[in-house]
């Protein structure tokens, strides 16, 4: 039986970094140039079943990396967020893990940096308390150790600042004007709690805006 050999390596016209691996006149894989080098694929080299399986896996990994890069080009993601999106896109666990490791090695995936950016984004700008930010980081799969490092006492103090909480509460209260005071207090308290403010800050703000004796 004649041994199969790689007959050509042809760069894609639209993306020169991607290379078609040809055996005879048949395309057997399309890989990044880096993957071709990593797998040791050369023109005239043997195309064995082992090589074909490795190329198939690498091709899937390349596609997952490309998909993930697209997500990252729009906004930062945590590792878990990218893993969930790649899962929905149909990539198998082993391929997702390999692709995410490659992004991590390339410095494109960093949960600590993601957490720092999210804290910066929410600090004092969206009327969010520290508990909400902590919950969002946990939901994104960021480890508690990383959260504790990036969400400092100073950040928590700024997010719990009474003036910021007051601004948020006043905006919310405008839409509750038609309700009696006891309903306003209950709903405003609930909204601020869901926003992540500490109970002490909520009580102070709600009492100042609506009054301690308004609930009867």
N, C-alpha and C. Protein backbone atom coordinates (compact mmCIF):
# COMPACT_ATOMS: atom_id res chain seq x y z
N UNK A 1 0.84 -1.20 0.00
CA UNK A 1 0.00 0.00 0.00
C UNK A 1 0.88 1.25 0.00
N UNK A 2 0.58 2.17 -0.91
CA UNK A 2 1.39 3.39 -1.04
C UNK A 2 1.14 4.32 0.14
N UNK A 3 2.23 4.81 0.74
CA UNK A 3 2.10 5.72 1.88
C UNK A 3 1.64 7.09 1.41
N UNK A 4 0.65 7.65 2.11
CA UNK A 4 0.17 8.98 1.76
C UNK A 4 1.18 10.03 2.20
N UNK A 5 1.30 11.06 1.38
CA UNK A 5 2.22 12.15 1.68
C UNK A 5 1.53 13.49 1.51
N UNK A 6 2.01 14.47 2.25
CA UNK A 6 1.51 15.84 2.10
C UNK A 6 2.04 16.38 0.78
N UNK A 7 1.11 16.77 -0.09
CA UNK A 7 1.52 17.22 -1.42
C UNK A 7 1.71 18.73 -1.50
N UNK A 8 1.02 19.48 -0.63
CA UNK A 8 1.14 20.94 -0.68
C UNK A 8 0.62 21.56 0.60
N UNK A 9 1.14 22.73 0.91
CA UNK A 9 0.64 23.57 2.00
C UNK A 9 0.28 24.91 1.38
N UNK A 10 -1.02 25.18 1.28
CA UNK A 10 -1.49 26.36 0.54
C UNK A 10 -2.13 27.38 1.47
N UNK A 11 -1.53 28.58 1.59
CA UNK A 11 -2.14 29.63 2.41
C UNK A 11 -3.51 30.02 1.86
N UNK A 12 -4.45 30.25 2.76
CA UNK A 12 -5.77 30.70 2.35
C UNK A 12 -5.67 32.10 1.77
N UNK A 13 -6.42 32.36 0.72
CA UNK A 13 -6.37 33.67 0.06
C UNK A 13 -6.86 34.77 0.99
N UNK A 14 -7.96 34.51 1.70
CA UNK A 14 -8.54 35.55 2.56
C UNK A 14 -7.84 35.66 3.91
N UNK A 15 -7.14 34.61 4.31
CA UNK A 15 -6.45 34.62 5.59
C UNK A 15 -5.14 33.86 5.44
N UNK A 16 -4.07 34.55 5.07
CA UNK A 16 -2.78 33.89 4.82
C UNK A 16 -2.22 33.14 6.02
N UNK A 17 -2.72 33.45 7.22
CA UNK A 17 -2.23 32.75 8.41
C UNK A 17 -2.81 31.34 8.50
N UNK A 18 -3.84 31.06 7.72
CA UNK A 18 -4.43 29.73 7.70
C UNK A 18 -3.96 28.98 6.46
N UNK A 19 -3.63 27.72 6.66
CA UNK A 19 -2.98 26.93 5.61
C UNK A 19 -3.79 25.68 5.32
N UNK A 20 -4.03 25.44 4.04
CA UNK A 20 -4.67 24.19 3.62
C UNK A 20 -3.62 23.10 3.49
N UNK A 21 -3.86 21.99 4.15
CA UNK A 21 -2.96 20.84 4.04
C UNK A 21 -3.55 19.92 2.97
N UNK A 22 -2.77 19.67 1.92
CA UNK A 22 -3.24 18.88 0.79
C UNK A 22 -2.53 17.53 0.75
N UNK A 23 -3.30 16.49 0.50
CA UNK A 23 -2.76 15.16 0.21
C UNK A 23 -3.29 14.78 -1.16
N UNK A 24 -2.41 14.78 -2.14
CA UNK A 24 -2.86 14.66 -3.52
C UNK A 24 -3.63 15.92 -3.88
N UNK A 25 -4.84 15.76 -4.39
CA UNK A 25 -5.68 16.91 -4.73
C UNK A 25 -6.73 17.18 -3.65
N UNK A 26 -6.63 16.49 -2.54
CA UNK A 26 -7.66 16.59 -1.51
C UNK A 26 -7.16 17.40 -0.31
N UNK A 27 -8.01 18.32 0.14
CA UNK A 27 -7.70 19.05 1.36
C UNK A 27 -8.03 18.16 2.55
N UNK A 28 -7.06 17.94 3.40
CA UNK A 28 -7.29 17.06 4.55
C UNK A 28 -7.40 17.84 5.86
N UNK A 29 -6.98 19.11 5.85
CA UNK A 29 -7.09 19.93 7.06
C UNK A 29 -6.81 21.38 6.69
N UNK A 30 -7.36 22.29 7.49
CA UNK A 30 -7.02 23.71 7.38
C UNK A 30 -6.61 24.17 8.77
N UNK A 31 -5.34 24.57 8.89
CA UNK A 31 -4.77 24.89 10.19
C UNK A 31 -4.10 26.26 10.15
N UNK A 32 -3.86 26.82 11.32
CA UNK A 32 -3.05 28.03 11.37
C UNK A 32 -1.61 27.64 11.03
N UNK A 33 -0.86 28.62 10.55
CA UNK A 33 0.54 28.35 10.20
C UNK A 33 1.31 27.84 11.42
N UNK A 34 0.97 28.38 12.58
CA UNK A 34 1.65 27.95 13.81
C UNK A 34 1.34 26.49 14.12
N UNK A 35 0.08 26.09 13.90
CA UNK A 35 -0.30 24.70 14.18
C UNK A 35 0.40 23.74 13.22
N UNK A 36 0.57 24.17 11.98
CA UNK A 36 1.28 23.34 11.00
C UNK A 36 2.70 23.08 11.49
N UNK A 37 3.34 24.13 12.01
CA UNK A 37 4.71 23.99 12.51
C UNK A 37 4.73 23.09 13.75
N UNK A 38 3.77 23.32 14.67
CA UNK A 38 3.74 22.54 15.90
C UNK A 38 3.55 21.05 15.62
N UNK A 39 2.76 20.73 14.61
CA UNK A 39 2.51 19.32 14.29
C UNK A 39 3.61 18.72 13.41
N UNK A 40 4.51 19.57 12.94
CA UNK A 40 5.60 19.07 12.11
C UNK A 40 5.16 18.64 10.72
N UNK A 41 4.13 19.30 10.20
CA UNK A 41 3.62 18.95 8.87
C UNK A 41 4.48 19.65 7.82
N UNK A 42 5.01 18.89 6.88
CA UNK A 42 5.85 19.44 5.82
C UNK A 42 5.46 18.81 4.49
N UNK A 43 5.71 19.54 3.42
CA UNK A 43 5.47 18.99 2.09
C UNK A 43 6.38 17.79 1.88
N UNK A 44 5.79 16.68 1.47
CA UNK A 44 6.54 15.46 1.28
C UNK A 44 6.56 14.57 2.50
N UNK A 45 6.10 15.12 3.64
CA UNK A 45 6.06 14.33 4.86
C UNK A 45 4.92 13.32 4.83
N UNK A 46 5.07 12.28 5.62
CA UNK A 46 4.05 11.22 5.65
C UNK A 46 2.77 11.74 6.29
N UNK A 47 1.65 11.32 5.71
CA UNK A 47 0.33 11.65 6.27
C UNK A 47 -0.28 10.36 6.83
N UNK A 48 0.00 10.12 8.09
CA UNK A 48 -0.44 8.88 8.74
C UNK A 48 -1.77 9.09 9.45
N UNK A 49 -2.35 8.00 9.92
CA UNK A 49 -3.60 8.11 10.68
C UNK A 49 -3.39 8.90 11.96
N UNK A 50 -2.23 8.71 12.57
CA UNK A 50 -1.91 9.46 13.79
C UNK A 50 -1.82 10.95 13.51
N UNK A 51 -1.16 11.30 12.39
CA UNK A 51 -1.04 12.70 12.01
C UNK A 51 -2.41 13.28 11.67
N UNK A 52 -3.23 12.50 10.99
CA UNK A 52 -4.57 12.97 10.61
C UNK A 52 -5.42 13.25 11.85
N UNK A 53 -5.33 12.36 12.85
CA UNK A 53 -6.10 12.56 14.09
C UNK A 53 -5.62 13.80 14.83
N UNK A 54 -4.29 13.99 14.89
CA UNK A 54 -3.73 15.16 15.56
C UNK A 54 -4.14 16.45 14.84
N UNK A 55 -4.14 16.40 13.51
CA UNK A 55 -4.52 17.57 12.73
C UNK A 55 -6.00 17.89 12.91
N UNK A 56 -6.83 16.85 12.98
CA UNK A 56 -8.26 17.05 13.18
C UNK A 56 -8.52 17.73 14.53
N UNK A 57 -7.81 17.26 15.55
CA UNK A 57 -7.97 17.86 16.87
C UNK A 57 -7.48 19.31 16.88
N UNK A 58 -6.33 19.54 16.25
CA UNK A 58 -5.77 20.89 16.21
C UNK A 58 -6.66 21.82 15.40
N UNK A 59 -7.27 21.31 14.34
CA UNK A 59 -8.18 22.13 13.53
C UNK A 59 -9.38 22.57 14.37
N UNK A 60 -9.91 21.65 15.16
CA UNK A 60 -11.03 22.00 16.04
C UNK A 60 -10.59 23.01 17.09
N UNK A 61 -9.38 22.83 17.62
CA UNK A 61 -8.85 23.77 18.60
C UNK A 61 -8.65 25.15 17.98
N UNK A 62 -8.12 25.18 16.75
CA UNK A 62 -7.93 26.46 16.05
C UNK A 62 -9.26 27.18 15.86
N UNK A 63 -10.29 26.42 15.50
CA UNK A 63 -11.61 27.02 15.29
C UNK A 63 -12.15 27.58 16.61
N UNK A 64 -11.93 26.85 17.70
CA UNK A 64 -12.40 27.32 19.01
C UNK A 64 -11.65 28.59 19.42
N UNK A 65 -10.34 28.61 19.18
CA UNK A 65 -9.55 29.81 19.49
C UNK A 65 -10.04 31.00 18.68
N UNK A 66 -10.29 30.77 17.39
CA UNK A 66 -10.78 31.84 16.52
C UNK A 66 -12.13 32.36 17.00
N UNK A 67 -13.00 31.44 17.39
CA UNK A 67 -14.32 31.83 17.90
C UNK A 67 -14.18 32.65 19.17
N UNK A 68 -13.31 32.19 20.06
CA UNK A 68 -13.10 32.89 21.33
C UNK A 68 -12.49 34.27 21.11
N UNK A 69 -11.57 34.36 20.16
CA UNK A 69 -10.98 35.67 19.84
C UNK A 69 -12.06 36.65 19.38
N UNK A 70 -13.03 36.14 18.64
CA UNK A 70 -14.13 37.00 18.21
C UNK A 70 -14.92 37.53 19.39
N UNK A 71 -15.19 36.66 20.37
CA UNK A 71 -15.89 37.11 21.57
C UNK A 71 -15.06 38.16 22.32
N UNK A 72 -13.75 37.90 22.43
CA UNK A 72 -12.88 38.81 23.17
C UNK A 72 -12.70 40.15 22.46
N UNK A 73 -12.87 40.16 21.15
CA UNK A 73 -12.72 41.41 20.41
C UNK A 73 -13.85 42.39 20.72
N UNK A 74 -14.97 41.84 21.21
CA UNK A 74 -16.11 42.70 21.53
C UNK A 74 -16.08 43.18 22.98
N UNK A 75 -15.62 42.33 23.88
CA UNK A 75 -15.48 42.73 25.29
C UNK A 75 -14.66 41.67 26.02
N UNK A 76 -14.19 42.03 27.21
CA UNK A 76 -13.45 41.07 28.01
C UNK A 76 -14.38 39.98 28.53
N UNK A 77 -13.85 38.79 28.69
CA UNK A 77 -14.59 37.66 29.25
C UNK A 77 -13.71 36.96 30.29
N UNK A 78 -14.37 36.34 31.24
CA UNK A 78 -13.65 35.43 32.13
C UNK A 78 -13.49 34.09 31.42
N UNK A 79 -12.65 33.24 31.97
CA UNK A 79 -12.47 31.91 31.39
C UNK A 79 -13.79 31.14 31.37
N UNK A 80 -14.53 31.22 32.45
CA UNK A 80 -15.80 30.49 32.51
C UNK A 80 -16.79 31.01 31.48
N UNK A 81 -16.87 32.32 31.31
CA UNK A 81 -17.79 32.89 30.33
C UNK A 81 -17.46 32.40 28.92
N UNK A 82 -16.17 32.38 28.59
CA UNK A 82 -15.77 31.90 27.27
C UNK A 82 -16.07 30.41 27.12
N UNK A 83 -15.83 29.66 28.19
CA UNK A 83 -16.10 28.22 28.13
C UNK A 83 -17.58 27.96 27.86
N UNK A 84 -18.45 28.72 28.51
CA UNK A 84 -19.89 28.55 28.30
C UNK A 84 -20.29 28.90 26.87
N UNK A 85 -19.70 29.96 26.33
CA UNK A 85 -20.03 30.35 24.95
C UNK A 85 -19.52 29.33 23.94
N UNK A 86 -18.32 28.82 24.17
CA UNK A 86 -17.79 27.79 23.27
C UNK A 86 -18.60 26.50 23.37
N UNK A 87 -19.10 26.22 24.56
CA UNK A 87 -19.96 25.05 24.74
C UNK A 87 -21.24 25.21 23.92
N UNK A 88 -21.84 26.40 23.99
CA UNK A 88 -23.06 26.65 23.21
C UNK A 88 -22.78 26.60 21.71
N UNK A 89 -21.53 26.91 21.33
CA UNK A 89 -21.16 26.87 19.92
C UNK A 89 -20.87 25.45 19.44
N UNK A 90 -20.91 24.48 20.37
CA UNK A 90 -20.80 23.08 19.98
C UNK A 90 -19.44 22.44 20.14
N UNK A 91 -18.50 23.11 20.80
CA UNK A 91 -17.16 22.54 20.97
C UNK A 91 -17.14 21.59 22.17
N UNK A 92 -16.42 20.49 22.01
CA UNK A 92 -16.33 19.49 23.07
C UNK A 92 -15.45 19.98 24.22
N UNK A 93 -15.64 19.41 25.42
CA UNK A 93 -14.89 19.88 26.60
C UNK A 93 -13.38 19.90 26.42
N UNK A 94 -12.81 18.83 25.86
CA UNK A 94 -11.36 18.77 25.70
C UNK A 94 -10.86 19.86 24.75
N UNK A 95 -11.62 20.11 23.69
CA UNK A 95 -11.24 21.15 22.73
C UNK A 95 -11.36 22.53 23.37
N UNK A 96 -12.42 22.74 24.14
CA UNK A 96 -12.59 24.03 24.82
C UNK A 96 -11.43 24.28 25.79
N UNK A 97 -11.09 23.26 26.55
CA UNK A 97 -10.01 23.39 27.53
C UNK A 97 -8.69 23.72 26.84
N UNK A 98 -8.41 23.02 25.75
CA UNK A 98 -7.16 23.26 25.02
C UNK A 98 -7.13 24.67 24.44
N UNK A 99 -8.26 25.10 23.87
CA UNK A 99 -8.32 26.44 23.27
C UNK A 99 -8.15 27.52 24.33
N UNK A 100 -8.79 27.35 25.48
CA UNK A 100 -8.69 28.34 26.55
C UNK A 100 -7.27 28.38 27.12
N UNK A 101 -6.64 27.22 27.21
CA UNK A 101 -5.24 27.19 27.68
C UNK A 101 -4.33 27.93 26.71
N UNK A 102 -4.60 27.79 25.42
CA UNK A 102 -3.80 28.50 24.42
C UNK A 102 -3.98 30.01 24.54
N UNK A 103 -5.21 30.44 24.77
CA UNK A 103 -5.47 31.87 24.95
C UNK A 103 -4.81 32.39 26.22
N UNK A 104 -4.85 31.57 27.26
CA UNK A 104 -4.21 31.93 28.53
C UNK A 104 -2.71 32.10 28.34
N UNK A 105 -2.10 31.14 27.65
CA UNK A 105 -0.66 31.19 27.39
C UNK A 105 -0.29 32.42 26.56
N UNK A 106 -1.18 32.80 25.64
CA UNK A 106 -0.93 33.96 24.78
C UNK A 106 -1.20 35.28 25.49
N UNK A 107 -1.68 35.21 26.74
CA UNK A 107 -1.96 36.43 27.49
C UNK A 107 -3.27 37.10 27.13
N UNK A 108 -4.15 36.37 26.44
CA UNK A 108 -5.42 36.95 26.01
C UNK A 108 -6.57 36.63 26.97
N UNK A 109 -6.30 35.80 27.95
CA UNK A 109 -7.33 35.39 28.90
C UNK A 109 -6.75 35.49 30.30
N UNK A 110 -7.34 36.36 31.11
CA UNK A 110 -6.78 36.63 32.43
C UNK A 110 -7.92 37.00 33.38
N UNK A 111 -8.28 36.08 34.26
CA UNK A 111 -9.42 36.32 35.15
C UNK A 111 -9.15 37.47 36.12
N UNK A 112 -7.91 37.64 36.52
CA UNK A 112 -7.61 38.74 37.45
C UNK A 112 -7.83 40.08 36.76
N UNK A 113 -7.32 40.21 35.54
CA UNK A 113 -7.50 41.46 34.80
C UNK A 113 -8.98 41.69 34.51
N UNK A 114 -9.70 40.62 34.17
CA UNK A 114 -11.14 40.73 33.95
C UNK A 114 -11.83 41.27 35.19
N UNK A 115 -11.47 40.74 36.36
CA UNK A 115 -12.08 41.17 37.61
C UNK A 115 -11.75 42.63 37.91
N UNK A 116 -10.51 43.01 37.67
CA UNK A 116 -10.11 44.40 37.93
C UNK A 116 -10.90 45.36 37.04
N UNK A 117 -11.08 44.98 35.77
CA UNK A 117 -11.82 45.85 34.85
C UNK A 117 -13.29 45.95 35.27
N UNK A 118 -13.87 44.83 35.71
CA UNK A 118 -15.27 44.87 36.10
C UNK A 118 -15.46 45.73 37.35
N UNK A 119 -14.56 45.60 38.31
CA UNK A 119 -14.63 46.44 39.51
C UNK A 119 -14.52 47.91 39.13
N UNK A 120 -13.59 48.22 38.24
CA UNK A 120 -13.40 49.60 37.80
C UNK A 120 -14.65 50.12 37.09
N UNK A 121 -15.25 49.26 36.28
CA UNK A 121 -16.43 49.65 35.52
C UNK A 121 -17.60 49.98 36.43
N UNK A 122 -17.76 49.18 37.48
CA UNK A 122 -18.92 49.36 38.35
C UNK A 122 -18.68 50.34 39.50
N UNK A 123 -17.43 50.64 39.80
CA UNK A 123 -17.13 51.48 40.95
C UNK A 123 -17.65 52.90 40.74
N UNK A 124 -18.66 53.27 41.48
CA UNK A 124 -19.13 54.64 41.49
C UNK A 124 -19.82 55.12 40.23
N UNK A 125 -20.06 54.22 39.27
CA UNK A 125 -20.64 54.68 38.01
C UNK A 125 -22.04 54.15 37.77
N UNK A 126 -22.33 52.99 38.26
CA UNK A 126 -23.63 52.39 37.99
C UNK A 126 -24.49 52.24 39.24
N UNK A 127 -24.07 52.87 40.30
CA UNK A 127 -24.85 52.76 41.52
C UNK A 127 -24.93 51.34 42.03
N UNK A 128 -23.81 50.65 42.03
CA UNK A 128 -23.79 49.26 42.47
C UNK A 128 -23.02 49.12 43.77
N UNK A 129 -23.55 48.33 44.69
CA UNK A 129 -22.86 48.05 45.94
C UNK A 129 -21.87 46.91 45.77
N UNK A 130 -20.98 46.73 46.74
CA UNK A 130 -19.93 45.71 46.63
C UNK A 130 -20.48 44.28 46.56
N UNK A 131 -21.61 44.02 47.21
CA UNK A 131 -22.15 42.66 47.18
C UNK A 131 -22.58 42.27 45.77
N UNK A 132 -23.17 43.22 45.03
CA UNK A 132 -23.58 42.94 43.66
C UNK A 132 -22.36 42.66 42.78
N UNK A 133 -21.32 43.46 42.94
CA UNK A 133 -20.11 43.27 42.14
C UNK A 133 -19.48 41.92 42.46
N UNK A 134 -19.44 41.57 43.75
CA UNK A 134 -18.89 40.27 44.15
C UNK A 134 -19.71 39.13 43.54
N UNK A 135 -21.04 39.27 43.56
CA UNK A 135 -21.90 38.24 42.98
C UNK A 135 -21.67 38.11 41.48
N UNK A 136 -21.48 39.24 40.80
CA UNK A 136 -21.24 39.20 39.36
C UNK A 136 -19.92 38.51 39.03
N UNK A 137 -18.90 38.77 39.84
CA UNK A 137 -17.61 38.13 39.62
C UNK A 137 -17.71 36.62 39.85
N UNK A 138 -18.43 36.24 40.90
CA UNK A 138 -18.60 34.81 41.17
C UNK A 138 -19.38 34.14 40.04
N UNK A 139 -20.42 34.82 39.55
CA UNK A 139 -21.22 34.26 38.46
C UNK A 139 -20.38 34.09 37.20
N UNK A 140 -19.36 34.93 37.05
CA UNK A 140 -18.48 34.84 35.89
C UNK A 140 -17.41 33.77 36.08
N UNK A 141 -17.41 33.13 37.25
CA UNK A 141 -16.46 32.05 37.49
C UNK A 141 -15.13 32.49 38.07
N UNK A 142 -15.04 33.73 38.52
CA UNK A 142 -13.79 34.22 39.10
C UNK A 142 -13.64 33.64 40.51
N UNK A 143 -12.48 33.12 40.82
CA UNK A 143 -12.23 32.49 42.12
C UNK A 143 -12.32 33.51 43.25
N UNK A 144 -12.79 33.05 44.41
CA UNK A 144 -12.92 33.95 45.57
C UNK A 144 -11.60 34.59 45.94
N UNK A 145 -10.51 33.84 45.81
CA UNK A 145 -9.19 34.39 46.16
C UNK A 145 -8.87 35.60 45.29
N UNK A 146 -9.21 35.52 44.00
CA UNK A 146 -8.97 36.63 43.08
C UNK A 146 -9.90 37.79 43.41
N UNK A 147 -11.17 37.48 43.71
CA UNK A 147 -12.13 38.52 44.06
C UNK A 147 -11.66 39.29 45.28
N UNK A 148 -11.20 38.58 46.29
CA UNK A 148 -10.75 39.23 47.52
C UNK A 148 -9.54 40.11 47.28
N UNK A 149 -8.73 39.75 46.30
CA UNK A 149 -7.54 40.55 45.99
C UNK A 149 -7.90 41.84 45.26
N UNK A 150 -8.85 41.75 44.33
CA UNK A 150 -9.14 42.92 43.49
C UNK A 150 -10.23 43.81 44.07
N UNK A 151 -11.13 43.25 44.88
CA UNK A 151 -12.19 44.05 45.49
C UNK A 151 -11.73 44.48 46.87
N UNK A 152 -11.01 45.58 46.92
CA UNK A 152 -10.36 46.02 48.15
C UNK A 152 -11.36 46.69 49.09
N UNK A 153 -10.91 46.91 50.32
CA UNK A 153 -11.75 47.62 51.30
C UNK A 153 -12.09 49.02 50.80
N UNK A 154 -11.13 49.63 50.11
CA UNK A 154 -11.38 50.98 49.57
C UNK A 154 -12.47 50.94 48.51
N UNK A 155 -12.44 49.92 47.64
CA UNK A 155 -13.49 49.77 46.64
C UNK A 155 -14.85 49.62 47.30
N UNK A 156 -14.92 48.76 48.31
CA UNK A 156 -16.19 48.52 49.00
C UNK A 156 -16.69 49.80 49.65
N UNK A 157 -15.77 50.57 50.23
CA UNK A 157 -16.15 51.82 50.86
C UNK A 157 -16.70 52.81 49.84
N UNK A 158 -16.04 52.89 48.68
CA UNK A 158 -16.52 53.79 47.63
C UNK A 158 -17.88 53.38 47.11
N UNK A 159 -18.07 52.06 46.91
CA UNK A 159 -19.35 51.58 46.38
C UNK A 159 -20.48 51.76 47.38
N UNK A 160 -20.14 51.73 48.66
CA UNK A 160 -21.15 51.91 49.69
C UNK A 160 -21.32 53.37 50.10
N UNK A 161 -20.64 54.26 49.40
CA UNK A 161 -20.71 55.68 49.72
C UNK A 161 -22.17 56.13 49.73
N UNK A 162 -22.56 56.81 50.81
CA UNK A 162 -23.96 57.20 50.98
C UNK A 162 -24.44 58.13 49.88
N UNK A 163 -23.55 59.00 49.38
CA UNK A 163 -23.97 59.95 48.35
C UNK A 163 -24.29 59.22 47.05
N UNK A 164 -23.49 58.19 46.70
CA UNK A 164 -23.78 57.40 45.51
C UNK A 164 -25.07 56.61 45.68
N UNK A 165 -25.23 56.04 46.87
CA UNK A 165 -26.46 55.30 47.15
C UNK A 165 -27.67 56.23 47.10
N UNK A 166 -27.50 57.45 47.59
CA UNK A 166 -28.59 58.42 47.57
C UNK A 166 -28.97 58.78 46.13
N UNK A 167 -27.97 58.98 45.28
CA UNK A 167 -28.25 59.29 43.87
C UNK A 167 -29.06 58.18 43.22
N UNK A 168 -28.64 56.94 43.47
CA UNK A 168 -29.36 55.80 42.89
C UNK A 168 -30.78 55.74 43.44
N UNK A 169 -30.93 55.91 44.75
CA UNK A 169 -32.25 55.82 45.38
C UNK A 169 -33.19 56.92 44.87
N UNK A 170 -32.67 58.11 44.68
CA UNK A 170 -33.51 59.20 44.19
C UNK A 170 -34.02 58.92 42.78
N UNK A 171 -33.17 58.33 41.95
CA UNK A 171 -33.62 57.98 40.59
C UNK A 171 -34.72 56.92 40.64
N UNK A 172 -34.56 55.97 41.54
CA UNK A 172 -35.56 54.91 41.66
C UNK A 172 -36.86 55.43 42.26
N UNK A 173 -36.73 56.34 43.20
CA UNK A 173 -37.91 56.85 43.91
C UNK A 173 -38.81 57.65 42.98
N UNK A 174 -38.23 58.25 41.96
CA UNK A 174 -39.04 59.04 41.02
C UNK A 174 -40.12 58.19 40.36
N UNK A 175 -39.83 56.93 40.16
CA UNK A 175 -40.81 56.05 39.53
C UNK A 175 -41.78 55.41 40.51
N UNK A 176 -41.60 55.71 41.79
CA UNK A 176 -42.47 55.13 42.82
C UNK A 176 -43.40 56.17 43.45
N UNK A 177 -43.43 57.36 42.86
CA UNK A 177 -44.15 58.48 43.47
C UNK A 177 -45.64 58.20 43.66
N UNK A 178 -46.22 57.38 42.80
CA UNK A 178 -47.67 57.16 42.88
C UNK A 178 -48.06 56.21 44.02
N UNK A 179 -47.07 55.57 44.62
CA UNK A 179 -47.34 54.60 45.68
C UNK A 179 -47.30 55.27 47.06
N UNK A 180 -48.01 54.71 48.04
CA UNK A 180 -47.94 55.25 49.40
C UNK A 180 -46.54 55.04 49.98
N UNK A 181 -46.18 55.82 51.01
CA UNK A 181 -44.82 55.77 51.56
C UNK A 181 -44.37 54.38 51.99
N UNK A 182 -45.26 53.58 52.59
CA UNK A 182 -44.82 52.27 53.05
C UNK A 182 -44.43 51.36 51.88
N UNK A 183 -45.14 51.52 50.75
CA UNK A 183 -44.80 50.74 49.55
C UNK A 183 -43.50 51.25 48.95
N UNK A 184 -43.35 52.56 48.94
CA UNK A 184 -42.11 53.15 48.43
C UNK A 184 -40.90 52.62 49.20
N UNK A 185 -41.02 52.60 50.53
CA UNK A 185 -39.91 52.14 51.35
C UNK A 185 -39.58 50.68 51.07
N UNK A 186 -40.62 49.85 51.00
CA UNK A 186 -40.40 48.42 50.79
C UNK A 186 -39.74 48.15 49.43
N UNK A 187 -40.25 48.80 48.40
CA UNK A 187 -39.72 48.56 47.06
C UNK A 187 -38.33 49.16 46.89
N UNK A 188 -38.13 50.34 47.47
CA UNK A 188 -36.81 50.97 47.35
C UNK A 188 -35.77 50.15 48.10
N UNK A 189 -36.14 49.64 49.26
CA UNK A 189 -35.22 48.80 50.03
C UNK A 189 -34.85 47.56 49.21
N UNK A 190 -35.86 46.94 48.59
CA UNK A 190 -35.60 45.74 47.79
C UNK A 190 -34.70 46.02 46.61
N UNK A 191 -34.93 47.13 45.93
CA UNK A 191 -34.11 47.46 44.76
C UNK A 191 -32.67 47.73 45.16
N UNK A 192 -32.49 48.44 46.26
CA UNK A 192 -31.13 48.76 46.70
C UNK A 192 -30.41 47.50 47.20
N UNK A 193 -31.16 46.60 47.83
CA UNK A 193 -30.55 45.35 48.29
C UNK A 193 -30.09 44.52 47.09
N UNK A 194 -30.94 44.46 46.06
CA UNK A 194 -30.55 43.71 44.86
C UNK A 194 -29.38 44.37 44.15
N UNK A 195 -29.25 45.67 44.35
CA UNK A 195 -28.13 46.40 43.74
C UNK A 195 -26.84 46.19 44.51
N UNK A 196 -26.94 45.55 45.67
CA UNK A 196 -25.73 45.17 46.39
C UNK A 196 -25.30 46.11 47.50
N UNK A 197 -26.14 47.06 47.89
CA UNK A 197 -25.77 47.96 48.98
C UNK A 197 -25.93 47.26 50.32
N UNK A 198 -25.09 47.64 51.27
CA UNK A 198 -25.19 47.09 52.62
C UNK A 198 -26.47 47.57 53.29
N UNK A 199 -26.99 46.74 54.19
CA UNK A 199 -28.26 47.05 54.85
C UNK A 199 -28.21 48.37 55.61
N UNK A 200 -27.08 48.65 56.25
CA UNK A 200 -26.96 49.89 57.02
C UNK A 200 -27.07 51.11 56.12
N UNK A 201 -26.43 51.05 54.95
CA UNK A 201 -26.49 52.16 54.00
C UNK A 201 -27.91 52.32 53.46
N UNK A 202 -28.57 51.20 53.18
CA UNK A 202 -29.94 51.25 52.66
C UNK A 202 -30.87 51.92 53.67
N UNK A 203 -30.78 51.49 54.93
CA UNK A 203 -31.66 52.08 55.95
C UNK A 203 -31.44 53.58 56.08
N UNK A 204 -30.17 53.98 56.06
CA UNK A 204 -29.86 55.41 56.19
C UNK A 204 -30.47 56.21 55.04
N UNK A 205 -30.30 55.71 53.82
CA UNK A 205 -30.79 56.44 52.65
C UNK A 205 -32.31 56.45 52.59
N UNK A 206 -32.92 55.29 52.81
CA UNK A 206 -34.38 55.21 52.74
C UNK A 206 -35.03 56.08 53.81
N UNK A 207 -34.48 56.06 55.01
CA UNK A 207 -35.04 56.88 56.08
C UNK A 207 -34.90 58.37 55.78
N UNK A 208 -33.80 58.74 55.18
CA UNK A 208 -33.59 60.15 54.84
C UNK A 208 -34.54 60.60 53.74
N UNK A 209 -34.81 59.72 52.78
CA UNK A 209 -35.65 60.10 51.65
C UNK A 209 -37.14 60.04 51.98
N UNK A 210 -37.54 59.04 52.74
CA UNK A 210 -38.97 58.83 52.96
C UNK A 210 -39.38 59.12 54.40
N UNK A 211 -38.46 58.94 55.31
CA UNK A 211 -38.77 59.26 56.70
C UNK A 211 -39.01 58.02 57.52
N UNK A 212 -38.53 58.05 58.75
CA UNK A 212 -38.62 56.89 59.62
C UNK A 212 -40.04 56.57 60.03
N UNK A 213 -40.88 57.58 60.13
CA UNK A 213 -42.22 57.33 60.65
C UNK A 213 -43.27 57.17 59.59
N UNK A 214 -42.89 57.10 58.32
CA UNK A 214 -43.89 57.08 57.26
C UNK A 214 -44.58 55.75 57.10
N UNK A 215 -44.03 54.68 57.71
CA UNK A 215 -44.65 53.37 57.55
C UNK A 215 -45.63 53.06 58.67
N UNK A 216 -46.00 54.06 59.37
CA UNK A 216 -47.03 53.90 60.36
C UNK A 216 -46.52 53.71 61.73
